[in-house]
N, C-alpha and C. Protein backbone atom coordinates (compact mmCIF):
# COMPACT_ATOMS: atom_id res chain seq x y z
N MET A 1 58.03 58.56 60.28
CA MET A 1 58.41 57.91 59.04
C MET A 1 58.88 58.97 58.06
N SER A 2 60.07 58.68 57.48
CA SER A 2 60.65 59.65 56.56
C SER A 2 59.90 59.61 55.23
N GLU A 3 60.12 60.60 54.43
CA GLU A 3 59.45 60.70 53.13
C GLU A 3 59.86 59.55 52.22
N LYS A 4 61.09 59.20 52.34
CA LYS A 4 61.59 58.13 51.50
C LYS A 4 60.95 56.80 51.85
N GLU A 5 60.85 56.57 53.17
CA GLU A 5 60.22 55.33 53.64
C GLU A 5 58.75 55.29 53.22
N LYS A 6 58.11 56.47 53.36
CA LYS A 6 56.70 56.57 52.97
C LYS A 6 56.53 56.28 51.48
N GLU A 7 57.45 56.81 50.70
CA GLU A 7 57.40 56.60 49.25
C GLU A 7 57.59 55.13 48.90
N LEU A 8 58.53 54.49 49.61
CA LEU A 8 58.77 53.06 49.38
C LEU A 8 57.55 52.22 49.74
N LYS A 9 56.93 52.63 50.85
CA LYS A 9 55.74 51.91 51.31
C LYS A 9 54.61 52.04 50.29
N ASP A 10 54.47 53.27 49.77
CA ASP A 10 53.42 53.49 48.75
C ASP A 10 53.68 52.67 47.49
N GLN A 11 54.95 52.60 47.15
CA GLN A 11 55.32 51.82 45.97
C GLN A 11 55.00 50.33 46.16
N GLU A 12 55.30 49.86 47.39
CA GLU A 12 55.01 48.46 47.70
C GLU A 12 53.51 48.18 47.67
N GLU A 13 52.76 49.12 48.20
CA GLU A 13 51.29 48.96 48.20
C GLU A 13 50.74 48.97 46.77
N LEU A 14 51.29 49.88 45.97
CA LEU A 14 50.87 49.94 44.57
C LEU A 14 51.22 48.64 43.84
N LYS A 15 52.43 48.16 44.15
CA LYS A 15 52.88 46.92 43.55
C LYS A 15 51.98 45.75 43.95
N GLU A 16 51.63 45.75 45.25
CA GLU A 16 50.76 44.69 45.77
C GLU A 16 49.37 44.76 45.13
N LEU A 17 48.87 46.02 45.02
CA LEU A 17 47.55 46.20 44.38
C LEU A 17 47.59 45.78 42.92
N SER A 18 48.70 46.10 42.27
CA SER A 18 48.87 45.73 40.87
C SER A 18 48.90 44.22 40.70
N GLU A 19 49.60 43.56 41.63
CA GLU A 19 49.69 42.10 41.57
C GLU A 19 48.31 41.46 41.83
N GLN A 20 47.60 42.05 42.81
CA GLN A 20 46.26 41.54 43.11
C GLN A 20 45.30 41.73 41.93
N ASP A 21 45.44 42.92 41.33
CA ASP A 21 44.59 43.22 40.17
C ASP A 21 44.90 42.26 39.01
N HIS A 22 46.19 42.03 38.81
CA HIS A 22 46.62 41.10 37.77
C HIS A 22 46.11 39.68 38.05
N LYS A 23 46.21 39.32 39.36
CA LYS A 23 45.76 38.01 39.77
C LYS A 23 44.25 37.87 39.56
N THR A 24 43.53 38.95 39.90
CA THR A 24 42.06 38.94 39.75
C THR A 24 41.67 38.81 38.28
N LYS A 25 42.37 39.60 37.43
CA LYS A 25 42.10 39.53 35.99
C LYS A 25 42.40 38.15 35.43
N LYS A 26 43.49 37.58 35.92
CA LYS A 26 43.89 36.25 35.46
C LYS A 26 42.84 35.21 35.86
N GLU A 27 42.40 35.32 37.13
CA GLU A 27 41.36 34.39 37.61
C GLU A 27 40.05 34.58 36.84
N LYS A 28 39.72 35.88 36.57
CA LYS A 28 38.50 36.17 35.82
C LYS A 28 38.58 35.60 34.40
N LYS A 29 39.77 35.77 33.80
CA LYS A 29 39.98 35.25 32.45
C LYS A 29 39.90 33.73 32.44
N LYS A 30 40.48 33.14 33.47
CA LYS A 30 40.45 31.68 33.60
C LYS A 30 39.01 31.18 33.77
N LYS A 31 38.25 31.93 34.59
CA LYS A 31 36.85 31.59 34.84
C LYS A 31 36.04 31.70 33.55
N GLU A 32 36.29 32.78 32.78
CA GLU A 32 35.59 32.96 31.52
C GLU A 32 35.93 31.84 30.54
N SER A 33 37.21 31.45 30.56
CA SER A 33 37.67 30.38 29.69
C SER A 33 36.97 29.06 30.04
N LEU A 34 36.82 28.79 31.35
CA LEU A 34 36.13 27.58 31.80
C LEU A 34 34.65 27.62 31.42
N GLU A 35 34.04 28.80 31.55
CA GLU A 35 32.62 28.95 31.19
C GLU A 35 32.41 28.72 29.70
N ASP A 36 33.38 29.23 28.90
CA ASP A 36 33.30 29.02 27.45
C ASP A 36 33.41 27.55 27.11
N LYS A 37 34.37 26.87 27.78
CA LYS A 37 34.53 25.43 27.54
C LYS A 37 33.29 24.65 27.97
N LEU A 38 32.72 25.06 29.12
CA LEU A 38 31.52 24.40 29.62
C LEU A 38 30.35 24.59 28.66
N GLU A 39 30.23 25.80 28.14
CA GLU A 39 29.16 26.10 27.19
C GLU A 39 29.33 25.29 25.91
N LEU A 40 30.60 25.17 25.47
CA LEU A 40 30.91 24.39 24.28
C LEU A 40 30.57 22.91 24.49
N ILE A 41 30.93 22.41 25.69
CA ILE A 41 30.64 21.01 26.01
C ILE A 41 29.12 20.78 26.05
N GLN A 42 28.39 21.75 26.62
CA GLN A 42 26.93 21.62 26.68
C GLN A 42 26.31 21.61 25.28
N GLU A 43 26.86 22.43 24.38
CA GLU A 43 26.37 22.45 23.00
C GLU A 43 26.62 21.11 22.31
N GLU A 44 27.84 20.57 22.54
CA GLU A 44 28.18 19.28 21.95
C GLU A 44 27.29 18.16 22.50
N LEU A 45 27.04 18.23 23.82
CA LEU A 45 26.15 17.24 24.43
C LEU A 45 24.74 17.33 23.85
N GLN A 46 24.26 18.56 23.62
CA GLN A 46 22.93 18.77 23.05
C GLN A 46 22.87 18.22 21.62
N ASN A 47 23.96 18.44 20.86
CA ASN A 47 24.03 17.91 19.50
C ASN A 47 24.01 16.38 19.49
N VAL A 48 24.78 15.81 20.42
CA VAL A 48 24.80 14.35 20.55
C VAL A 48 23.42 13.82 20.93
N LYS A 49 22.77 14.52 21.85
CA LYS A 49 21.43 14.13 22.30
C LYS A 49 20.43 14.20 21.13
N ASP A 50 20.51 15.27 20.35
CA ASP A 50 19.62 15.43 19.20
C ASP A 50 19.84 14.31 18.18
N LYS A 51 21.13 14.02 17.91
CA LYS A 51 21.44 12.95 16.98
C LYS A 51 20.92 11.60 17.48
N TYR A 52 21.08 11.38 18.78
CA TYR A 52 20.62 10.13 19.39
C TYR A 52 19.10 9.98 19.26
N LEU A 53 18.39 11.08 19.52
CA LEU A 53 16.92 11.06 19.43
C LEU A 53 16.47 10.83 17.98
N ARG A 54 17.20 11.44 17.01
CA ARG A 54 16.86 11.24 15.60
C ARG A 54 17.07 9.78 15.20
N VAL A 55 18.21 9.23 15.61
CA VAL A 55 18.51 7.82 15.30
C VAL A 55 17.46 6.91 15.95
N LEU A 56 17.07 7.23 17.18
CA LEU A 56 16.07 6.45 17.90
C LEU A 56 14.74 6.47 17.16
N ALA A 57 14.36 7.67 16.67
CA ALA A 57 13.10 7.82 15.93
C ALA A 57 13.16 7.05 14.61
N GLU A 58 14.32 7.13 13.93
CA GLU A 58 14.49 6.41 12.67
C GLU A 58 14.42 4.89 12.89
N MET A 59 15.03 4.43 13.97
CA MET A 59 14.99 3.00 14.29
C MET A 59 13.56 2.56 14.58
N ASP A 60 12.82 3.40 15.30
CA ASP A 60 11.43 3.09 15.61
C ASP A 60 10.58 3.01 14.34
N ASN A 61 10.80 4.00 13.44
CA ASN A 61 10.08 3.99 12.16
C ASN A 61 10.45 2.77 11.32
N TYR A 62 11.73 2.42 11.35
CA TYR A 62 12.20 1.26 10.59
C TYR A 62 11.56 -0.03 11.12
N LYS A 63 11.47 -0.14 12.44
CA LYS A 63 10.83 -1.32 13.04
C LYS A 63 9.37 -1.40 12.64
N LYS A 64 8.68 -0.23 12.64
CA LYS A 64 7.26 -0.21 12.26
C LYS A 64 7.09 -0.61 10.79
N ARG A 65 7.97 -0.04 9.91
CA ARG A 65 7.88 -0.38 8.49
C ARG A 65 8.15 -1.86 8.27
N THR A 66 9.17 -2.37 8.95
CA THR A 66 9.52 -3.78 8.82
C THR A 66 8.38 -4.67 9.30
N SER A 67 7.77 -4.26 10.41
CA SER A 67 6.64 -5.01 10.96
C SER A 67 5.47 -5.04 9.98
N GLU A 68 5.18 -3.87 9.36
CA GLU A 68 4.09 -3.79 8.38
C GLU A 68 4.41 -4.64 7.15
N ASP A 69 5.67 -4.61 6.70
CA ASP A 69 6.08 -5.40 5.54
C ASP A 69 5.92 -6.89 5.82
N LEU A 70 6.32 -7.29 7.04
CA LEU A 70 6.20 -8.71 7.42
C LEU A 70 4.73 -9.14 7.48
N LYS A 71 3.88 -8.24 7.99
CA LYS A 71 2.44 -8.54 8.05
C LYS A 71 1.88 -8.74 6.65
N ARG A 72 2.27 -7.82 5.72
CA ARG A 72 1.79 -7.93 4.34
C ARG A 72 2.30 -9.21 3.69
N GLU A 73 3.58 -9.54 3.94
CA GLU A 73 4.16 -10.75 3.35
C GLU A 73 3.44 -12.00 3.85
N ARG A 74 3.15 -12.00 5.17
CA ARG A 74 2.43 -13.15 5.72
C ARG A 74 1.01 -13.23 5.17
N LYS A 75 0.38 -12.05 5.03
CA LYS A 75 -1.01 -12.00 4.57
C LYS A 75 -1.15 -12.53 3.15
N TYR A 76 -0.19 -12.18 2.27
CA TYR A 76 -0.29 -12.55 0.86
C TYR A 76 0.74 -13.62 0.47
N ALA A 77 1.27 -14.33 1.46
CA ALA A 77 2.34 -15.29 1.19
C ALA A 77 1.92 -16.40 0.22
N SER A 78 0.68 -16.86 0.33
CA SER A 78 0.23 -17.98 -0.51
C SER A 78 -0.47 -17.53 -1.78
N MET A 79 -0.42 -16.24 -2.11
CA MET A 79 -1.13 -15.72 -3.27
C MET A 79 -0.59 -16.31 -4.57
N SER A 80 0.73 -16.42 -4.71
CA SER A 80 1.31 -16.95 -5.95
C SER A 80 0.95 -18.42 -6.15
N VAL A 81 0.89 -19.17 -5.04
CA VAL A 81 0.51 -20.59 -5.13
C VAL A 81 -0.96 -20.69 -5.55
N ALA A 82 -1.80 -19.84 -4.96
CA ALA A 82 -3.23 -19.84 -5.29
C ALA A 82 -3.45 -19.52 -6.77
N GLU A 83 -2.66 -18.58 -7.28
CA GLU A 83 -2.78 -18.17 -8.69
C GLU A 83 -2.48 -19.35 -9.62
N LYS A 84 -1.49 -20.17 -9.25
CA LYS A 84 -1.13 -21.32 -10.09
C LYS A 84 -2.19 -22.42 -10.00
N LEU A 85 -2.76 -22.62 -8.81
CA LEU A 85 -3.73 -23.69 -8.62
C LEU A 85 -5.08 -23.37 -9.24
N ILE A 86 -5.38 -22.06 -9.40
CA ILE A 86 -6.67 -21.67 -9.99
C ILE A 86 -6.80 -22.24 -11.41
N ASP A 87 -5.70 -22.27 -12.17
CA ASP A 87 -5.74 -22.83 -13.53
C ASP A 87 -6.13 -24.31 -13.49
N ALA A 88 -5.62 -25.02 -12.48
CA ALA A 88 -5.98 -26.44 -12.34
C ALA A 88 -7.46 -26.58 -11.99
N ILE A 89 -7.95 -25.70 -11.15
CA ILE A 89 -9.37 -25.70 -10.79
C ILE A 89 -10.23 -25.50 -12.02
N GLU A 90 -9.80 -24.59 -12.92
CA GLU A 90 -10.55 -24.33 -14.15
C GLU A 90 -10.64 -25.58 -15.03
N VAL A 91 -9.56 -26.36 -15.08
CA VAL A 91 -9.56 -27.59 -15.88
C VAL A 91 -10.59 -28.56 -15.31
N PHE A 92 -10.61 -28.69 -13.99
CA PHE A 92 -11.59 -29.57 -13.35
C PHE A 92 -13.01 -29.09 -13.62
N ASP A 93 -13.24 -27.78 -13.53
CA ASP A 93 -14.58 -27.22 -13.77
C ASP A 93 -15.06 -27.51 -15.19
N GLN A 94 -14.16 -27.37 -16.16
CA GLN A 94 -14.53 -27.65 -17.55
C GLN A 94 -14.87 -29.12 -17.75
N ALA A 95 -14.11 -29.99 -17.08
CA ALA A 95 -14.37 -31.43 -17.18
C ALA A 95 -15.72 -31.78 -16.55
N LEU A 96 -16.05 -31.12 -15.46
CA LEU A 96 -17.30 -31.41 -14.74
C LEU A 96 -18.53 -30.91 -15.48
N LEU A 97 -18.34 -30.06 -16.51
CA LEU A 97 -19.47 -29.58 -17.31
C LEU A 97 -19.92 -30.60 -18.36
N ILE A 98 -19.11 -31.63 -18.55
CA ILE A 98 -19.45 -32.67 -19.54
C ILE A 98 -20.67 -33.45 -19.06
N GLU A 99 -21.63 -33.60 -19.94
CA GLU A 99 -22.84 -34.37 -19.63
C GLU A 99 -22.73 -35.77 -20.22
N THR A 100 -23.09 -36.76 -19.43
CA THR A 100 -23.00 -38.16 -19.89
C THR A 100 -24.03 -39.01 -19.14
N ASP A 101 -24.43 -40.08 -19.83
CA ASP A 101 -25.34 -41.06 -19.21
C ASP A 101 -24.58 -42.33 -18.82
N ASP A 102 -23.31 -42.35 -19.15
CA ASP A 102 -22.48 -43.53 -18.84
C ASP A 102 -22.17 -43.56 -17.34
N PRO A 103 -22.61 -44.59 -16.60
CA PRO A 103 -22.37 -44.67 -15.15
C PRO A 103 -20.89 -44.66 -14.79
N ASN A 104 -20.09 -45.36 -15.58
CA ASN A 104 -18.65 -45.40 -15.31
C ASN A 104 -18.02 -44.02 -15.46
N PHE A 105 -18.45 -43.30 -16.52
CA PHE A 105 -17.90 -41.96 -16.74
C PHE A 105 -18.39 -40.99 -15.67
N LYS A 106 -19.63 -41.21 -15.20
CA LYS A 106 -20.16 -40.38 -14.11
C LYS A 106 -19.33 -40.57 -12.84
N ASN A 107 -18.97 -41.82 -12.56
CA ASN A 107 -18.12 -42.09 -11.39
C ASN A 107 -16.75 -41.43 -11.55
N PHE A 108 -16.25 -41.47 -12.78
CA PHE A 108 -14.96 -40.84 -13.09
C PHE A 108 -15.05 -39.33 -12.82
N LEU A 109 -16.14 -38.70 -13.27
CA LEU A 109 -16.34 -37.27 -13.06
C LEU A 109 -16.54 -36.96 -11.58
N TYR A 110 -17.20 -37.86 -10.86
CA TYR A 110 -17.40 -37.67 -9.42
C TYR A 110 -16.04 -37.66 -8.71
N GLY A 111 -15.14 -38.52 -9.16
CA GLY A 111 -13.78 -38.52 -8.59
C GLY A 111 -13.07 -37.22 -8.90
N PHE A 112 -13.30 -36.70 -10.11
CA PHE A 112 -12.74 -35.41 -10.50
C PHE A 112 -13.22 -34.32 -9.56
N LYS A 113 -14.54 -34.37 -9.26
CA LYS A 113 -15.13 -33.35 -8.38
C LYS A 113 -14.52 -33.42 -6.98
N MET A 114 -14.31 -34.61 -6.48
CA MET A 114 -13.71 -34.77 -5.14
C MET A 114 -12.30 -34.19 -5.10
N ILE A 115 -11.53 -34.46 -6.16
CA ILE A 115 -10.16 -33.93 -6.23
C ILE A 115 -10.20 -32.40 -6.30
N LYS A 116 -11.12 -31.89 -7.13
CA LYS A 116 -11.25 -30.44 -7.28
C LYS A 116 -11.59 -29.78 -5.94
N ASP A 117 -12.53 -30.41 -5.20
CA ASP A 117 -12.93 -29.86 -3.89
C ASP A 117 -11.78 -29.92 -2.90
N MET A 118 -10.99 -30.97 -2.97
CA MET A 118 -9.84 -31.11 -2.06
C MET A 118 -8.81 -30.01 -2.30
N ILE A 119 -8.67 -29.59 -3.57
CA ILE A 119 -7.72 -28.51 -3.91
C ILE A 119 -8.32 -27.16 -3.56
N TYR A 120 -9.61 -26.99 -3.89
CA TYR A 120 -10.23 -25.67 -3.77
C TYR A 120 -10.53 -25.27 -2.32
N SER A 121 -10.90 -26.23 -1.48
CA SER A 121 -11.27 -25.91 -0.09
C SER A 121 -10.14 -25.20 0.68
N PRO A 122 -8.89 -25.71 0.62
CA PRO A 122 -7.80 -24.99 1.31
C PRO A 122 -7.58 -23.58 0.74
N LEU A 123 -7.82 -23.41 -0.57
CA LEU A 123 -7.66 -22.09 -1.18
C LEU A 123 -8.68 -21.11 -0.61
N VAL A 124 -9.92 -21.61 -0.43
CA VAL A 124 -10.96 -20.77 0.17
C VAL A 124 -10.57 -20.39 1.59
N GLU A 125 -10.02 -21.34 2.33
CA GLU A 125 -9.58 -21.07 3.70
C GLU A 125 -8.46 -20.02 3.73
N GLU A 126 -7.64 -20.00 2.69
CA GLU A 126 -6.55 -19.03 2.61
C GLU A 126 -7.02 -17.64 2.17
N GLY A 127 -8.26 -17.56 1.64
CA GLY A 127 -8.79 -16.24 1.26
C GLY A 127 -9.18 -16.10 -0.19
N VAL A 128 -9.21 -17.22 -0.94
CA VAL A 128 -9.62 -17.16 -2.35
C VAL A 128 -11.15 -17.15 -2.43
N SER A 129 -11.69 -16.27 -3.27
CA SER A 129 -13.14 -16.22 -3.47
C SER A 129 -13.45 -15.91 -4.93
N VAL A 130 -14.58 -16.40 -5.40
CA VAL A 130 -15.00 -16.17 -6.79
C VAL A 130 -15.62 -14.79 -6.90
N ILE A 131 -15.27 -14.06 -7.96
CA ILE A 131 -15.89 -12.76 -8.22
C ILE A 131 -17.29 -13.00 -8.79
N GLU A 132 -18.27 -12.36 -8.18
CA GLU A 132 -19.66 -12.56 -8.60
C GLU A 132 -19.94 -11.78 -9.89
N THR A 133 -19.61 -12.39 -11.00
CA THR A 133 -19.86 -11.79 -12.32
C THR A 133 -21.08 -12.46 -12.94
N LYS A 134 -22.00 -11.65 -13.43
CA LYS A 134 -23.24 -12.21 -14.02
C LYS A 134 -23.48 -11.63 -15.41
N ILE A 135 -24.10 -12.44 -16.25
CA ILE A 135 -24.48 -11.98 -17.58
C ILE A 135 -25.54 -10.88 -17.43
N GLY A 136 -25.33 -9.78 -18.15
CA GLY A 136 -26.25 -8.65 -18.05
C GLY A 136 -25.71 -7.54 -17.15
N ASP A 137 -24.69 -7.86 -16.34
CA ASP A 137 -24.07 -6.84 -15.49
C ASP A 137 -23.29 -5.84 -16.35
N VAL A 138 -23.17 -4.63 -15.84
CA VAL A 138 -22.32 -3.63 -16.51
C VAL A 138 -20.86 -4.04 -16.34
N PHE A 139 -20.11 -3.96 -17.41
CA PHE A 139 -18.70 -4.35 -17.41
C PHE A 139 -17.90 -3.50 -16.41
N ASN A 140 -17.14 -4.20 -15.55
CA ASN A 140 -16.31 -3.53 -14.54
C ASN A 140 -14.83 -3.82 -14.85
N PRO A 141 -14.09 -2.86 -15.37
CA PRO A 141 -12.68 -3.11 -15.75
C PRO A 141 -11.77 -3.39 -14.56
N ASN A 142 -12.23 -3.12 -13.34
CA ASN A 142 -11.41 -3.37 -12.15
C ASN A 142 -11.34 -4.86 -11.80
N THR A 143 -12.39 -5.60 -12.15
CA THR A 143 -12.42 -7.02 -11.81
C THR A 143 -12.67 -7.93 -13.01
N GLU A 144 -12.85 -7.32 -14.18
CA GLU A 144 -13.17 -8.11 -15.38
C GLU A 144 -12.29 -7.69 -16.56
N HIS A 145 -12.00 -8.67 -17.41
CA HIS A 145 -11.19 -8.40 -18.61
C HIS A 145 -12.04 -8.73 -19.84
N ALA A 146 -12.18 -7.74 -20.75
CA ALA A 146 -12.97 -7.93 -21.95
C ALA A 146 -12.20 -8.81 -22.93
N PHE A 147 -12.53 -10.09 -22.94
CA PHE A 147 -11.87 -11.06 -23.81
C PHE A 147 -12.25 -10.81 -25.27
N ASP A 148 -13.49 -10.39 -25.49
CA ASP A 148 -13.99 -10.12 -26.84
C ASP A 148 -15.24 -9.26 -26.70
N SER A 149 -15.78 -8.83 -27.84
CA SER A 149 -17.00 -8.01 -27.80
C SER A 149 -17.92 -8.36 -28.96
N ILE A 150 -19.21 -8.08 -28.76
CA ILE A 150 -20.19 -8.24 -29.83
C ILE A 150 -20.92 -6.91 -29.98
N GLU A 151 -21.78 -6.82 -30.99
CA GLU A 151 -22.56 -5.61 -31.19
C GLU A 151 -24.02 -6.02 -31.40
N ASP A 152 -24.81 -5.84 -30.34
CA ASP A 152 -26.21 -6.24 -30.38
C ASP A 152 -27.07 -5.07 -29.90
N GLU A 153 -27.86 -4.52 -30.81
CA GLU A 153 -28.68 -3.35 -30.49
C GLU A 153 -29.79 -3.66 -29.49
N THR A 154 -30.13 -4.96 -29.37
CA THR A 154 -31.21 -5.34 -28.46
C THR A 154 -30.75 -5.43 -27.01
N LEU A 155 -29.43 -5.38 -26.81
CA LEU A 155 -28.88 -5.48 -25.45
C LEU A 155 -28.29 -4.14 -25.03
N PRO A 156 -28.27 -3.86 -23.72
CA PRO A 156 -27.68 -2.60 -23.23
C PRO A 156 -26.20 -2.52 -23.58
N ASN A 157 -25.75 -1.31 -23.81
CA ASN A 157 -24.34 -1.08 -24.15
C ASN A 157 -23.44 -1.35 -22.95
N ASN A 158 -22.24 -1.88 -23.21
CA ASN A 158 -21.20 -2.11 -22.21
C ASN A 158 -21.64 -3.10 -21.12
N THR A 159 -22.42 -4.09 -21.51
CA THR A 159 -22.85 -5.11 -20.55
C THR A 159 -22.25 -6.46 -20.93
N ILE A 160 -22.18 -7.35 -19.94
CA ILE A 160 -21.58 -8.68 -20.14
C ILE A 160 -22.59 -9.60 -20.82
N THR A 161 -22.15 -10.24 -21.90
CA THR A 161 -23.03 -11.17 -22.63
C THR A 161 -22.63 -12.62 -22.41
N LYS A 162 -21.37 -12.84 -22.03
CA LYS A 162 -20.90 -14.21 -21.79
C LYS A 162 -19.69 -14.20 -20.86
N ILE A 163 -19.62 -15.22 -20.00
CA ILE A 163 -18.47 -15.36 -19.09
C ILE A 163 -17.61 -16.51 -19.60
N VAL A 164 -16.41 -16.20 -20.05
CA VAL A 164 -15.50 -17.21 -20.60
C VAL A 164 -14.77 -17.92 -19.47
N LYS A 165 -14.28 -17.16 -18.49
CA LYS A 165 -13.61 -17.72 -17.32
C LYS A 165 -14.00 -16.93 -16.08
N LYS A 166 -14.10 -17.63 -14.98
CA LYS A 166 -14.42 -16.97 -13.71
C LYS A 166 -13.26 -16.08 -13.25
N GLY A 167 -13.59 -15.08 -12.46
CA GLY A 167 -12.56 -14.24 -11.85
C GLY A 167 -12.45 -14.58 -10.37
N TYR A 168 -11.28 -14.32 -9.81
CA TYR A 168 -11.05 -14.67 -8.40
C TYR A 168 -10.37 -13.52 -7.66
N MET A 169 -10.70 -13.40 -6.38
CA MET A 169 -10.03 -12.47 -5.47
C MET A 169 -9.20 -13.27 -4.48
N PHE A 170 -8.08 -12.68 -4.03
CA PHE A 170 -7.32 -13.26 -2.92
C PHE A 170 -7.35 -12.24 -1.79
N LYS A 171 -8.23 -12.49 -0.82
CA LYS A 171 -8.49 -11.52 0.25
C LYS A 171 -8.97 -10.21 -0.36
N ASP A 172 -8.20 -9.13 -0.25
CA ASP A 172 -8.65 -7.86 -0.82
C ASP A 172 -7.91 -7.51 -2.11
N ARG A 173 -7.21 -8.49 -2.67
CA ARG A 173 -6.49 -8.25 -3.93
C ARG A 173 -7.09 -9.07 -5.07
N LEU A 174 -6.95 -8.54 -6.28
CA LEU A 174 -7.43 -9.25 -7.46
C LEU A 174 -6.44 -10.36 -7.81
N LEU A 175 -6.92 -11.60 -7.77
CA LEU A 175 -6.07 -12.74 -8.11
C LEU A 175 -6.07 -12.96 -9.62
N ARG A 176 -7.27 -12.94 -10.21
CA ARG A 176 -7.40 -13.06 -11.66
C ARG A 176 -8.72 -12.46 -12.10
N PRO A 177 -8.71 -11.57 -13.10
CA PRO A 177 -9.97 -10.98 -13.54
C PRO A 177 -10.83 -12.00 -14.28
N ALA A 178 -12.12 -11.78 -14.25
CA ALA A 178 -13.02 -12.64 -15.02
C ALA A 178 -12.87 -12.33 -16.51
N MET A 179 -12.79 -13.37 -17.32
CA MET A 179 -12.71 -13.19 -18.77
C MET A 179 -14.12 -13.15 -19.33
N VAL A 180 -14.50 -12.04 -19.93
CA VAL A 180 -15.90 -11.89 -20.38
C VAL A 180 -15.98 -11.34 -21.80
N ILE A 181 -17.15 -11.56 -22.41
CA ILE A 181 -17.47 -10.95 -23.70
C ILE A 181 -18.53 -9.89 -23.42
N ILE A 182 -18.33 -8.70 -23.97
CA ILE A 182 -19.24 -7.60 -23.66
C ILE A 182 -19.91 -7.07 -24.92
N ASN A 183 -21.02 -6.41 -24.72
CA ASN A 183 -21.76 -5.80 -25.83
C ASN A 183 -21.32 -4.35 -25.99
N ILE A 184 -20.82 -4.02 -27.17
CA ILE A 184 -20.39 -2.66 -27.46
C ILE A 184 -21.17 -2.14 -28.66
N ILE A 185 -21.94 -1.10 -28.44
CA ILE A 185 -22.68 -0.47 -29.53
C ILE A 185 -21.93 0.78 -29.95
N SER A 186 -21.72 0.94 -31.26
CA SER A 186 -20.97 2.09 -31.75
C SER A 186 -21.72 3.38 -31.45
N LYS A 187 -20.98 4.47 -31.40
CA LYS A 187 -21.55 5.78 -31.08
C LYS A 187 -22.65 6.18 -32.07
N ASP A 188 -22.41 5.89 -33.37
CA ASP A 188 -23.41 6.24 -34.39
C ASP A 188 -24.71 5.49 -34.16
N GLU A 189 -24.60 4.19 -33.82
CA GLU A 189 -25.80 3.40 -33.60
C GLU A 189 -26.54 3.84 -32.34
N ILE A 190 -25.78 4.27 -31.31
CA ILE A 190 -26.41 4.78 -30.09
C ILE A 190 -27.23 6.02 -30.42
N GLU A 191 -26.64 6.90 -31.25
CA GLU A 191 -27.35 8.12 -31.64
C GLU A 191 -28.60 7.79 -32.46
N GLU A 192 -28.47 6.78 -33.37
CA GLU A 192 -29.62 6.37 -34.18
C GLU A 192 -30.74 5.79 -33.31
N LEU A 193 -30.33 4.96 -32.33
CA LEU A 193 -31.32 4.38 -31.42
C LEU A 193 -32.01 5.46 -30.61
N SER A 194 -31.20 6.45 -30.17
CA SER A 194 -31.76 7.56 -29.39
C SER A 194 -32.74 8.38 -30.22
N ASP A 195 -32.39 8.63 -31.49
CA ASP A 195 -33.28 9.38 -32.39
C ASP A 195 -34.57 8.60 -32.63
N SER A 196 -34.42 7.28 -32.82
CA SER A 196 -35.58 6.42 -33.07
C SER A 196 -36.52 6.42 -31.87
N GLU A 197 -35.95 6.38 -30.66
CA GLU A 197 -36.77 6.41 -29.44
C GLU A 197 -37.49 7.74 -29.31
N ASN A 198 -36.79 8.82 -29.68
CA ASN A 198 -37.42 10.15 -29.61
C ASN A 198 -38.58 10.28 -30.60
N ILE A 199 -38.41 9.70 -31.81
CA ILE A 199 -39.46 9.74 -32.83
C ILE A 199 -40.69 8.96 -32.34
N ASP A 200 -40.42 7.76 -31.77
CA ASP A 200 -41.53 6.93 -31.26
C ASP A 200 -42.27 7.66 -30.14
N SER A 201 -41.49 8.32 -29.29
CA SER A 201 -42.08 9.05 -28.17
C SER A 201 -42.94 10.21 -28.68
N ASN A 202 -42.45 10.91 -29.69
CA ASN A 202 -43.21 12.04 -30.27
C ASN A 202 -44.49 11.57 -30.94
N ASN A 203 -44.39 10.41 -31.64
CA ASN A 203 -45.57 9.86 -32.30
C ASN A 203 -46.65 9.48 -31.30
N GLN A 204 -46.18 8.92 -30.15
CA GLN A 204 -47.12 8.54 -29.11
C GLN A 204 -47.80 9.77 -28.52
N ASN A 205 -47.03 10.84 -28.36
CA ASN A 205 -47.59 12.08 -27.80
C ASN A 205 -48.60 12.69 -28.75
N VAL A 206 -48.33 12.62 -30.09
CA VAL A 206 -49.25 13.18 -31.08
C VAL A 206 -50.55 12.39 -31.11
N ALA A 207 -50.38 11.05 -31.02
CA ALA A 207 -51.56 10.19 -31.02
C ALA A 207 -52.40 10.43 -29.77
């Protein structure tokens, strides 16, 4: 083989190697490009998945909240009706307090009582109950409303002296507070009473 032929052959081999190298680089670049696209697609899929899971969680929370709201609505659905009927019950109660010896009027009041019981019984079944307020109890602002007050040193301070109207609960909610009159002793009089008790106590000890 002549030098020229050898040189041509070397050039062809170099050219072939160059083409192969170029082809390899091109394929490598193409492969990298596909990997980048695949990675990008995977990121987008992960984002979509995260968004889907968040929406799913929000929907679940919304269903739970809606369910709880519906339960509360059903539980207290008749509360407004009960509140209106309680006033009618009070009218019947006041009428039934009337004392009479007239047989006809007694029969009339007995009819009143039957009507009152017919109204009140379903309310009790729905969850209405009377607040147990008693004269002499300490005033409770959570279930009682101070309609008025008196000042009597012979009675304990902040105690109920009279019940003007009954109070009612509807299940675990306050339907209407009891209207009461309470005993309020001024601060000065409390101090005077305390001083007087101390003097009496000291006199007893001296004796």
